[in-house]
Amino acid sequence: MNLITKPGAKNLRLWKYFGFRSSDCKTVDPATKDAVFCRIESCLKTEVKYNGNTNALTNHLQRYHHKERVQHYFHTISCSAANHHNSIGRREESRP
């Protein structure tokens, strides 16, 4: 089974754990466009329903793969904190 990341995905840190089925490794198979598949080998529930957002993917990691969820969560927090810190610095620089 070939799995590809969602075309145009923004959250690549999360999508590294999931993929859509693809027969040509370029496009999503239309028959399975409403499902993504977990790439983690030890996964007991490999198929996850996909509704157009990443909520179900995040929930799957939280429920079945705590270690990966923690890695994803802490990366998200550190990126958010860095972005917040950078935006504060920019605001202070623009003050007279």
PDB file of N, CA and C in Angstrom:
ATOM      1  N   MET A   1       0.860  -1.179   0.000  1.00  0.00           N
ATOM      2  CA  MET A   1       0.000   0.000   0.000  1.00  0.00           C
ATOM      3  C   MET A   1       0.900   1.234   0.000  1.00  0.00           C
ATOM      4  N   ASN A   2       0.749   2.092  -0.974  1.00  0.00           N
ATOM      5  CA  ASN A   2       1.479   3.354  -1.042  1.00  0.00           C
ATOM      6  C   ASN A   2       0.694   4.423  -0.306  1.00  0.00           C
ATOM      7  N   LEU A   3       1.384   5.173   0.557  1.00  0.00           N
ATOM      8  CA  LEU A   3       0.749   6.266   1.277  1.00  0.00           C
ATOM      9  C   LEU A   3       1.448   7.569   0.913  1.00  0.00           C
ATOM     10  N   ILE A   4       0.637   8.607   0.696  1.00  0.00           N
ATOM     11  CA  ILE A   4       1.192   9.926   0.417  1.00  0.00           C
ATOM     12  C   ILE A   4       0.635  10.926   1.427  1.00  0.00           C
ATOM     13  N   THR A   5       1.416  11.954   1.689  1.00  0.00           N
ATOM     14  CA  THR A   5       0.972  13.042   2.555  1.00  0.00           C
ATOM     15  C   THR A   5      -0.096  13.840   1.820  1.00  0.00           C
ATOM     16  N   LYS A   6      -0.979  14.448   2.570  1.00  0.00           N
ATOM     17  CA  LYS A   6      -2.026  15.269   1.965  1.00  0.00           C
ATOM     18  C   LYS A   6      -1.388  16.342   1.079  1.00  0.00           C
ATOM     19  N   PRO A   7      -1.810  16.413  -0.175  1.00  0.00           N
ATOM     20  CA  PRO A   7      -1.274  17.464  -1.058  1.00  0.00           C
ATOM     21  C   PRO A   7      -1.553  18.854  -0.481  1.00  0.00           C
ATOM     22  N   GLY A   8      -0.520  19.660  -0.358  1.00  0.00           N
ATOM     23  CA  GLY A   8      -0.663  21.013   0.168  1.00  0.00           C
ATOM     24  C   GLY A   8      -0.768  21.096   1.684  1.00  0.00           C
ATOM     25  N   ALA A   9      -0.448  20.007   2.374  1.00  0.00           N
ATOM     26  CA  ALA A   9      -0.570  19.994   3.834  1.00  0.00           C
ATOM     27  C   ALA A   9       0.351  21.022   4.472  1.00  0.00           C
ATOM     28  N   LYS A  10      -0.160  21.709   5.489  1.00  0.00           N
ATOM     29  CA  LYS A  10       0.635  22.699   6.211  1.00  0.00           C
ATOM     30  C   LYS A  10       1.281  22.085   7.455  1.00  0.00           C
ATOM     31  N   ASN A  11       0.611  21.152   8.081  1.00  0.00           N
ATOM     32  CA  ASN A  11       1.074  20.569   9.331  1.00  0.00           C
ATOM     33  C   ASN A  11       1.871  19.290   9.057  1.00  0.00           C
ATOM     34  N   LEU A  12       3.044  19.432   8.481  1.00  0.00           N
ATOM     35  CA  LEU A  12       3.827  18.264   8.083  1.00  0.00           C
ATOM     36  C   LEU A  12       4.313  17.441   9.265  1.00  0.00           C
ATOM     37  N   ARG A  13       4.489  18.062  10.420  1.00  0.00           N
ATOM     38  CA  ARG A  13       4.903  17.309  11.619  1.00  0.00           C
ATOM     39  C   ARG A  13       3.851  16.279  11.991  1.00  0.00           C
ATOM     40  N   LEU A  14       2.589  16.601  11.813  1.00  0.00           N
ATOM     41  CA  LEU A  14       1.512  15.654  12.106  1.00  0.00           C
ATOM     42  C   LEU A  14       1.333  14.658  10.967  1.00  0.00           C
ATOM     43  N   TRP A  15       1.414  15.141   9.737  1.00  0.00           N
ATOM     44  CA  TRP A  15       1.183  14.283   8.578  1.00  0.00           C
ATOM     45  C   TRP A  15       2.270  13.230   8.381  1.00  0.00           C
ATOM     46  N   LYS A  16       3.422  13.373   9.045  1.00  0.00           N
ATOM     47  CA  LYS A  16       4.451  12.334   8.895  1.00  0.00           C
ATOM     48  C   LYS A  16       3.970  11.004   9.463  1.00  0.00           C
ATOM     49  N   TYR A  17       2.952  11.027  10.321  1.00  0.00           N
ATOM     50  CA  TYR A  17       2.401   9.807  10.905  1.00  0.00           C
ATOM     51  C   TYR A  17       1.239   9.226  10.093  1.00  0.00           C
ATOM     52  N   PHE A  18       0.730   9.947   9.107  1.00  0.00           N
ATOM     53  CA  PHE A  18      -0.460   9.530   8.368  1.00  0.00           C
ATOM     54  C   PHE A  18      -0.269   9.721   6.867  1.00  0.00           C
ATOM     55  N   GLY A  19      -1.099   9.034   6.096  1.00  0.00           N
ATOM     56  CA  GLY A  19      -1.063   9.208   4.661  1.00  0.00           C
ATOM     57  C   GLY A  19      -2.348   8.723   4.008  1.00  0.00           C
ATOM     58  N   PHE A  20      -2.591   9.227   2.810  1.00  0.00           N
ATOM     59  CA  PHE A  20      -3.702   8.769   1.983  1.00  0.00           C
ATOM     60  C   PHE A  20      -3.198   7.651   1.081  1.00  0.00           C
ATOM     61  N   ARG A  21      -4.069   6.717   0.743  1.00  0.00           N
ATOM     62  CA  ARG A  21      -3.701   5.678  -0.224  1.00  0.00           C
ATOM     63  C   ARG A  21      -3.542   6.304  -1.602  1.00  0.00           C
ATOM     64  N   SER A  22      -2.555   5.782  -2.334  1.00  0.00           N
ATOM     65  CA  SER A  22      -2.291   6.282  -3.677  1.00  0.00           C
ATOM     66  C   SER A  22      -1.730   5.151  -4.528  1.00  0.00           C
ATOM     67  N   SER A  23      -2.256   5.007  -5.720  1.00  0.00           N
ATOM     68  CA  SER A  23      -1.745   3.954  -6.606  1.00  0.00           C
ATOM     69  C   SER A  23      -0.563   4.447  -7.434  1.00  0.00           C
ATOM     70  N   ASP A  24      -0.487   5.783  -7.643  1.00  0.00           N
ATOM     71  CA  ASP A  24       0.601   6.316  -8.464  1.00  0.00           C
ATOM     72  C   ASP A  24       1.617   7.142  -7.661  1.00  0.00           C
ATOM     73  N   CYS A  25       1.476   7.172  -6.352  1.00  0.00           N
ATOM     74  CA  CYS A  25       2.364   7.928  -5.451  1.00  0.00           C
ATOM     75  C   CYS A  25       2.332   9.440  -5.695  1.00  0.00           C
ATOM     76  N   LYS A  26       1.277   9.914  -6.358  1.00  0.00           N
ATOM     77  CA  LYS A  26       1.149  11.353  -6.628  1.00  0.00           C
ATOM     78  C   LYS A  26      -0.210  11.898  -6.216  1.00  0.00           C
ATOM     79  N   THR A  27      -1.271  11.112  -6.469  1.00  0.00           N
ATOM     80  CA  THR A  27      -2.625  11.583  -6.201  1.00  0.00           C
ATOM     81  C   THR A  27      -3.335  10.628  -5.239  1.00  0.00           C
ATOM     82  N   VAL A  28      -4.295  11.182  -4.517  1.00  0.00           N
ATOM     83  CA  VAL A  28      -5.087  10.397  -3.573  1.00  0.00           C
ATOM     84  C   VAL A  28      -6.074   9.527  -4.341  1.00  0.00           C
ATOM     85  N   ASP A  29      -6.159   8.241  -3.970  1.00  0.00           N
ATOM     86  CA  ASP A  29      -7.137   7.355  -4.600  1.00  0.00           C
ATOM     87  C   ASP A  29      -8.546   7.825  -4.234  1.00  0.00           C
ATOM     88  N   PRO A  30      -9.400   8.096  -5.211  1.00  0.00           N
ATOM     89  CA  PRO A  30     -10.745   8.603  -4.941  1.00  0.00           C
ATOM     90  C   PRO A  30     -11.582   7.683  -4.051  1.00  0.00           C
ATOM     91  N   ALA A  31     -11.375   6.386  -4.145  1.00  0.00           N
ATOM     92  CA  ALA A  31     -12.177   5.439  -3.368  1.00  0.00           C
ATOM     93  C   ALA A  31     -11.893   5.534  -1.870  1.00  0.00           C
ATOM     94  N   THR A  32     -10.720   6.034  -1.496  1.00  0.00           N
ATOM     95  CA  THR A  32     -10.364   6.100  -0.076  1.00  0.00           C
ATOM     96  C   THR A  32     -10.056   7.529   0.377  1.00  0.00           C
ATOM     97  N   LYS A  33     -10.615   8.526  -0.296  1.00  0.00           N
ATOM     98  CA  LYS A  33     -10.311   9.922   0.038  1.00  0.00           C
ATOM     99  C   LYS A  33     -10.863  10.352   1.399  1.00  0.00           C
ATOM    100  N   ASP A  34     -11.786   9.590   1.967  1.00  0.00           N
ATOM    101  CA  ASP A  34     -12.365   9.925   3.271  1.00  0.00           C
ATOM    102  C   ASP A  34     -11.681   9.181   4.413  1.00  0.00           C
ATOM    103  N   ALA A  35     -10.525   8.598   4.133  1.00  0.00           N
ATOM    104  CA  ALA A  35      -9.789   7.875   5.167  1.00  0.00           C
ATOM    105  C   ALA A  35      -8.299   8.118   5.000  1.00  0.00           C
ATOM    106  N   VAL A  36      -7.616   8.231   6.126  1.00  0.00           N
ATOM    107  CA  VAL A  36      -6.153   8.283   6.121  1.00  0.00           C
ATOM    108  C   VAL A  36      -5.679   7.057   6.886  1.00  0.00           C
ATOM    109  N   PHE A  37      -4.425   6.717   6.668  1.00  0.00           N
ATOM    110  CA  PHE A  37      -3.892   5.502   7.261  1.00  0.00           C
ATOM    111  C   PHE A  37      -2.662   5.834   8.091  1.00  0.00           C
ATOM    112  N   CYS A  38      -2.622   5.243   9.274  1.00  0.00           N
ATOM    113  CA  CYS A  38      -1.522   5.481  10.203  1.00  0.00           C
ATOM    114  C   CYS A  38      -0.278   4.761   9.692  1.00  0.00           C
ATOM    115  N   ARG A  39       0.856   5.452   9.708  1.00  0.00           N
ATOM    116  CA  ARG A  39       2.121   4.899   9.233  1.00  0.00           C
ATOM    117  C   ARG A  39       2.897   4.170  10.331  1.00  0.00           C
ATOM    118  N   ILE A  40       2.460   4.259  11.559  1.00  0.00           N
ATOM    119  CA  ILE A  40       3.183   3.650  12.678  1.00  0.00           C
ATOM    120  C   ILE A  40       2.961   2.141  12.651  1.00  0.00           C
ATOM    121  N   GLU A  41       4.056   1.388  12.568  1.00  0.00           N
ATOM    122  CA  GLU A  41       3.990  -0.064  12.364  1.00  0.00           C
ATOM    123  C   GLU A  41       3.161  -0.802  13.404  1.00  0.00           C
ATOM    124  N   SER A  42       3.267  -0.433  14.652  1.00  0.00           N
ATOM    125  CA  SER A  42       2.594  -1.164  15.727  1.00  0.00           C
ATOM    126  C   SER A  42       1.134  -0.753  15.920  1.00  0.00           C
ATOM    127  N   CYS A  43       0.594   0.052  15.019  1.00  0.00           N
ATOM    128  CA  CYS A  43      -0.759   0.574  15.171  1.00  0.00           C
ATOM    129  C   CYS A  43      -1.808  -0.530  15.092  1.00  0.00           C
ATOM    130  N   LEU A  44      -2.743  -0.500  16.037  1.00  0.00           N
ATOM    131  CA  LEU A  44      -3.824  -1.480  16.065  1.00  0.00           C
ATOM    132  C   LEU A  44      -5.033  -1.026  15.242  1.00  0.00           C
ATOM    133  N   LYS A  45      -5.149   0.261  15.006  1.00  0.00           N
ATOM    134  CA  LYS A  45      -6.259   0.817  14.228  1.00  0.00           C
ATOM    135  C   LYS A  45      -5.657   1.701  13.143  1.00  0.00           C
ATOM    136  N   THR A  46      -5.332   1.101  12.017  1.00  0.00           N
ATOM    137  CA  THR A  46      -4.577   1.824  10.997  1.00  0.00           C
ATOM    138  C   THR A  46      -5.412   2.813  10.190  1.00  0.00           C
ATOM    139  N   GLU A  47      -6.707   2.593  10.062  1.00  0.00           N
ATOM    140  CA  GLU A  47      -7.547   3.490   9.265  1.00  0.00           C
ATOM    141  C   GLU A  47      -8.230   4.512  10.154  1.00  0.00           C
ATOM    142  N   VAL A  48      -8.129   5.782   9.767  1.00  0.00           N
ATOM    143  CA  VAL A  48      -8.734   6.880  10.515  1.00  0.00           C
ATOM    144  C   VAL A  48      -9.625   7.663   9.559  1.00  0.00           C
ATOM    145  N   LYS A  49     -10.859   7.914   9.970  1.00  0.00           N
ATOM    146  CA  LYS A  49     -11.778   8.681   9.139  1.00  0.00           C
ATOM    147  C   LYS A  49     -11.251  10.107   9.000  1.00  0.00           C
ATOM    148  N   TYR A  50     -11.300  10.639   7.780  1.00  0.00           N
ATOM    149  CA  TYR A  50     -10.795  11.986   7.516  1.00  0.00           C
ATOM    150  C   TYR A  50     -11.940  12.892   7.103  1.00  0.00           C
ATOM    151  N   ASN A  51     -12.087  14.022   7.816  1.00  0.00           N
ATOM    152  CA  ASN A  51     -13.179  14.972   7.566  1.00  0.00           C
ATOM    153  C   ASN A  51     -12.702  16.297   7.007  1.00  0.00           C
ATOM    154  N   GLY A  52     -11.458  16.377   6.568  1.00  0.00           N
ATOM    155  CA  GLY A  52     -10.962  17.624   6.017  1.00  0.00           C
ATOM    156  C   GLY A  52     -10.130  18.447   6.987  1.00  0.00           C
ATOM    157  N   ASN A  53     -10.052  18.008   8.254  1.00  0.00           N
ATOM    158  CA  ASN A  53      -9.194  18.697   9.221  1.00  0.00           C
ATOM    159  C   ASN A  53      -8.357  17.658   9.968  1.00  0.00           C
ATOM    160  N   THR A  54      -7.504  18.107  10.852  1.00  0.00           N
ATOM    161  CA  THR A  54      -6.582  17.181  11.517  1.00  0.00           C
ATOM    162  C   THR A  54      -7.035  16.753  12.915  1.00  0.00           C
ATOM    163  N   ASN A  55      -8.251  17.069  13.317  1.00  0.00           N
ATOM    164  CA  ASN A  55      -8.727  16.698  14.652  1.00  0.00           C
ATOM    165  C   ASN A  55      -8.679  15.195  14.884  1.00  0.00           C
ATOM    166  N   ALA A  56      -9.167  14.422  13.943  1.00  0.00           N
ATOM    167  CA  ALA A  56      -9.188  12.965  14.115  1.00  0.00           C
ATOM    168  C   ALA A  56      -7.768  12.397  14.154  1.00  0.00           C
ATOM    169  N   LEU A  57      -6.853  13.008  13.409  1.00  0.00           N
ATOM    170  CA  LEU A  57      -5.467  12.549  13.403  1.00  0.00           C
ATOM    171  C   LEU A  57      -4.820  12.806  14.758  1.00  0.00           C
ATOM    172  N   THR A  58      -5.042  13.995  15.290  1.00  0.00           N
ATOM    173  CA  THR A  58      -4.511  14.334  16.609  1.00  0.00           C
ATOM    174  C   THR A  58      -5.101  13.414  17.670  1.00  0.00           C
ATOM    175  N   ASN A  59      -6.399  13.180  17.612  1.00  0.00           N
ATOM    176  CA  ASN A  59      -7.055  12.281  18.564  1.00  0.00           C
ATOM    177  C   ASN A  59      -6.512  10.865  18.464  1.00  0.00           C
ATOM    178  N   HIS A  60      -6.244  10.399  17.242  1.00  0.00           N
ATOM    179  CA  HIS A  60      -5.682   9.059  17.045  1.00  0.00           C
ATOM    180  C   HIS A  60      -4.314   8.952  17.720  1.00  0.00           C
ATOM    181  N   LEU A  61      -3.475   9.953  17.515  1.00  0.00           N
ATOM    182  CA  LEU A  61      -2.159   9.928  18.169  1.00  0.00           C
ATOM    183  C   LEU A  61      -2.301   9.925  19.680  1.00  0.00           C
ATOM    184  N   GLN A  62      -3.209  10.728  20.182  1.00  0.00           N
ATOM    185  CA  GLN A  62      -3.401  10.813  21.626  1.00  0.00           C
ATOM    186  C   GLN A  62      -3.893   9.486  22.202  1.00  0.00           C
ATOM    187  N   ARG A  63      -4.778   8.831  21.497  1.00  0.00           N
ATOM    188  CA  ARG A  63      -5.380   7.596  22.015  1.00  0.00           C
ATOM    189  C   ARG A  63      -4.494   6.365  21.824  1.00  0.00           C
ATOM    190  N   TYR A  64      -3.852   6.249  20.674  1.00  0.00           N
ATOM    191  CA  TYR A  64      -3.121   5.024  20.348  1.00  0.00           C
ATOM    192  C   TYR A  64      -1.598   5.150  20.377  1.00  0.00           C
ATOM    193  N   HIS A  65      -1.079   6.364  20.307  1.00  0.00           N
ATOM    194  CA  HIS A  65       0.372   6.552  20.197  1.00  0.00           C
ATOM    195  C   HIS A  65       0.808   7.725  21.066  1.00  0.00           C
ATOM    196  N   HIS A  66       0.753   7.542  22.351  1.00  0.00           N
ATOM    197  CA  HIS A  66       1.040   8.626  23.286  1.00  0.00           C
ATOM    198  C   HIS A  66       2.425   9.241  23.051  1.00  0.00           C
ATOM    199  N   LYS A  67       3.431   8.422  22.820  1.00  0.00           N
ATOM    200  CA  LYS A  67       4.797   8.925  22.633  1.00  0.00           C
ATOM    201  C   LYS A  67       4.864   9.896  21.449  1.00  0.00           C
ATOM    202  N   GLU A  68       4.279   9.519  20.318  1.00  0.00           N
ATOM    203  CA  GLU A  68       4.297  10.372  19.134  1.00  0.00           C
ATOM    204  C   GLU A  68       3.480  11.637  19.359  1.00  0.00           C
ATOM    205  N   ARG A  69       2.380  11.515  20.074  1.00  0.00           N
ATOM    206  CA  ARG A  69       1.527  12.678  20.369  1.00  0.00           C
ATOM    207  C   ARG A  69       2.299  13.682  21.216  1.00  0.00           C
ATOM    208  N   VAL A  70       3.039  13.195  22.190  1.00  0.00           N
ATOM    209  CA  VAL A  70       3.826  14.077  23.048  1.00  0.00           C
ATOM    210  C   VAL A  70       4.886  14.790  22.210  1.00  0.00           C
ATOM    211  N   GLN A  71       5.557  14.075  21.311  1.00  0.00           N
ATOM    212  CA  GLN A  71       6.569  14.699  20.455  1.00  0.00           C
ATOM    213  C   GLN A  71       5.935  15.784  19.582  1.00  0.00           C
ATOM    214  N   HIS A  72       4.803  15.492  18.990  1.00  0.00           N
ATOM    215  CA  HIS A  72       4.110  16.467  18.139  1.00  0.00           C
ATOM    216  C   HIS A  72       3.657  17.666  18.969  1.00  0.00           C
ATOM    217  N   TYR A  73       3.090  17.411  20.148  1.00  0.00           N
ATOM    218  CA  TYR A  73       2.561  18.469  21.004  1.00  0.00           C
ATOM    219  C   TYR A  73       3.670  19.419  21.445  1.00  0.00           C
ATOM    220  N   PHE A  74       4.791  18.872  21.923  1.00  0.00           N
ATOM    221  CA  PHE A  74       5.857  19.734  22.405  1.00  0.00           C
ATOM    222  C   PHE A  74       6.511  20.515  21.279  1.00  0.00           C
ATOM    223  N   HIS A  75       6.581  19.955  20.075  1.00  0.00           N
ATOM    224  CA  HIS A  75       7.113  20.727  18.950  1.00  0.00           C
ATOM    225  C   HIS A  75       6.174  21.891  18.634  1.00  0.00           C
ATOM    226  N   THR A  76       4.872  21.637  18.666  1.00  0.00           N
ATOM    227  CA  THR A  76       3.883  22.683  18.394  1.00  0.00           C
ATOM    228  C   THR A  76       3.986  23.795  19.425  1.00  0.00           C
ATOM    229  N   ILE A  77       4.115  23.413  20.703  1.00  0.00           N
ATOM    230  CA  ILE A  77       4.219  24.406  21.775  1.00  0.00           C
ATOM    231  C   ILE A  77       5.482  25.239  21.602  1.00  0.00           C
ATOM    232  N   SER A  78       6.613  24.579  21.334  1.00  0.00           N
ATOM    233  CA  SER A  78       7.867  25.334  21.216  1.00  0.00           C
ATOM    234  C   SER A  78       7.825  26.279  20.018  1.00  0.00           C
ATOM    235  N   CYS A  79       7.214  25.856  18.915  1.00  0.00           N
ATOM    236  CA  CYS A  79       7.089  26.737  17.746  1.00  0.00           C
ATOM    237  C   CYS A  79       6.164  27.910  18.057  1.00  0.00           C
ATOM    238  N   SER A  80       5.068  27.646  18.746  1.00  0.00           N
ATOM    239  CA  SER A  80       4.133  28.716  19.099  1.00  0.00           C
ATOM    240  C   SER A  80       4.791  29.710  20.033  1.00  0.00           C
ATOM    241  N   ALA A  81       5.548  29.220  21.000  1.00  0.00           N
ATOM    242  CA  ALA A  81       6.230  30.109  21.945  1.00  0.00           C
ATOM    243  C   ALA A  81       7.264  30.961  21.221  1.00  0.00           C
ATOM    244  N   ALA A  82       8.006  30.347  20.302  1.00  0.00           N
ATOM    245  CA  ALA A  82       9.013  31.100  19.547  1.00  0.00           C
ATOM    246  C   ALA A  82       8.348  32.162  18.689  1.00  0.00           C
ATOM    247  N   ASN A  83       7.254  31.825  18.030  1.00  0.00           N
ATOM    248  CA  ASN A  83       6.545  32.798  17.203  1.00  0.00           C
ATOM    249  C   ASN A  83       5.982  33.929  18.051  1.00  0.00           C
ATOM    250  N   HIS A  84       5.458  33.588  19.218  1.00  0.00           N
ATOM    251  CA  HIS A  84       4.908  34.595  20.123  1.00  0.00           C
ATOM    252  C   HIS A  84       6.026  35.527  20.589  1.00  0.00           C
ATOM    253  N   HIS A  85       7.165  34.956  20.966  1.00  0.00           N
ATOM    254  CA  HIS A  85       8.296  35.752  21.427  1.00  0.00           C
ATOM    255  C   HIS A  85       8.779  36.685  20.312  1.00  0.00           C
ATOM    256  N   ASN A  86       8.864  36.165  19.100  1.00  0.00           N
ATOM    257  CA  ASN A  86       9.296  36.991  17.972  1.00  0.00           C
ATOM    258  C   ASN A  86       8.322  38.132  17.701  1.00  0.00           C
ATOM    259  N   SER A  87       7.030  37.871  17.814  1.00  0.00           N
ATOM    260  CA  SER A  87       6.051  38.927  17.545  1.00  0.00           C
ATOM    261  C   SER A  87       6.092  39.993  18.638  1.00  0.00           C
ATOM    262  N   ILE A  88       6.387  39.617  19.877  1.00  0.00           N
ATOM    263  CA  ILE A  88       6.506  40.595  20.957  1.00  0.00           C
ATOM    264  C   ILE A  88       7.712  41.496  20.677  1.00  0.00           C
ATOM    265  N   GLY A  89       8.830  40.882  20.274  1.00  0.00           N
ATOM    266  CA  GLY A  89      10.026  41.657  19.960  1.00  0.00           C
ATOM    267  C   GLY A  89       9.784  42.656  18.853  1.00  0.00           C
ATOM    268  N   ARG A  90       9.050  42.254  17.840  1.00  0.00           N
ATOM    269  CA  ARG A  90       8.754  43.156  16.726  1.00  0.00           C
ATOM    270  C   ARG A  90       7.897  44.332  17.183  1.00  0.00           C
ATOM    271  N   ARG A  91       6.930  44.067  18.063  1.00  0.00           N
ATOM    272  CA  ARG A  91       6.066  45.142  18.545  1.00  0.00           C
ATOM    273  C   ARG A  91       6.861  46.145  19.368  1.00  0.00           C
ATOM    274  N   GLU A  92       7.783  45.637  20.201  1.00  0.00           N
ATOM    275  CA  GLU A  92       8.577  46.534  21.034  1.00  0.00           C
ATOM    276  C   GLU A  92       9.523  47.373  20.179  1.00  0.00           C
ATOM    277  N   GLU A  93      10.053  46.785  19.097  1.00  0.00           N
ATOM    278  CA  GLU A  93      10.951  47.526  18.233  1.00  0.00           C
ATOM    279  C   GLU A  93      10.233  48.664  17.513  1.00  0.00           C
ATOM    280  N   SER A  94       8.954  48.491  17.248  1.00  0.00           N
ATOM    281  CA  SER A  94       8.213  49.496  16.496  1.00  0.00           C
ATOM    282  C   SER A  94       7.728  50.640  17.377  1.00  0.00           C
ATOM    283  N   ARG A  95       7.869  50.505  18.693  1.00  0.00           N
ATOM    284  CA  ARG A  95       7.451  51.597  19.590  1.00  0.00           C
ATOM    285  C   ARG A  95       8.473  52.731  19.552  1.00  0.00           C
ATOM    286  N   PRO A  96       7.988  53.965  19.653  1.00  0.00           N
ATOM    287  CA  PRO A  96       8.913  55.124  19.640  1.00  0.00           C
ATOM    288  C   PRO A  96       9.675  55.257  20.940  1.00  0.00           C
TER     289      PRO A  96
END
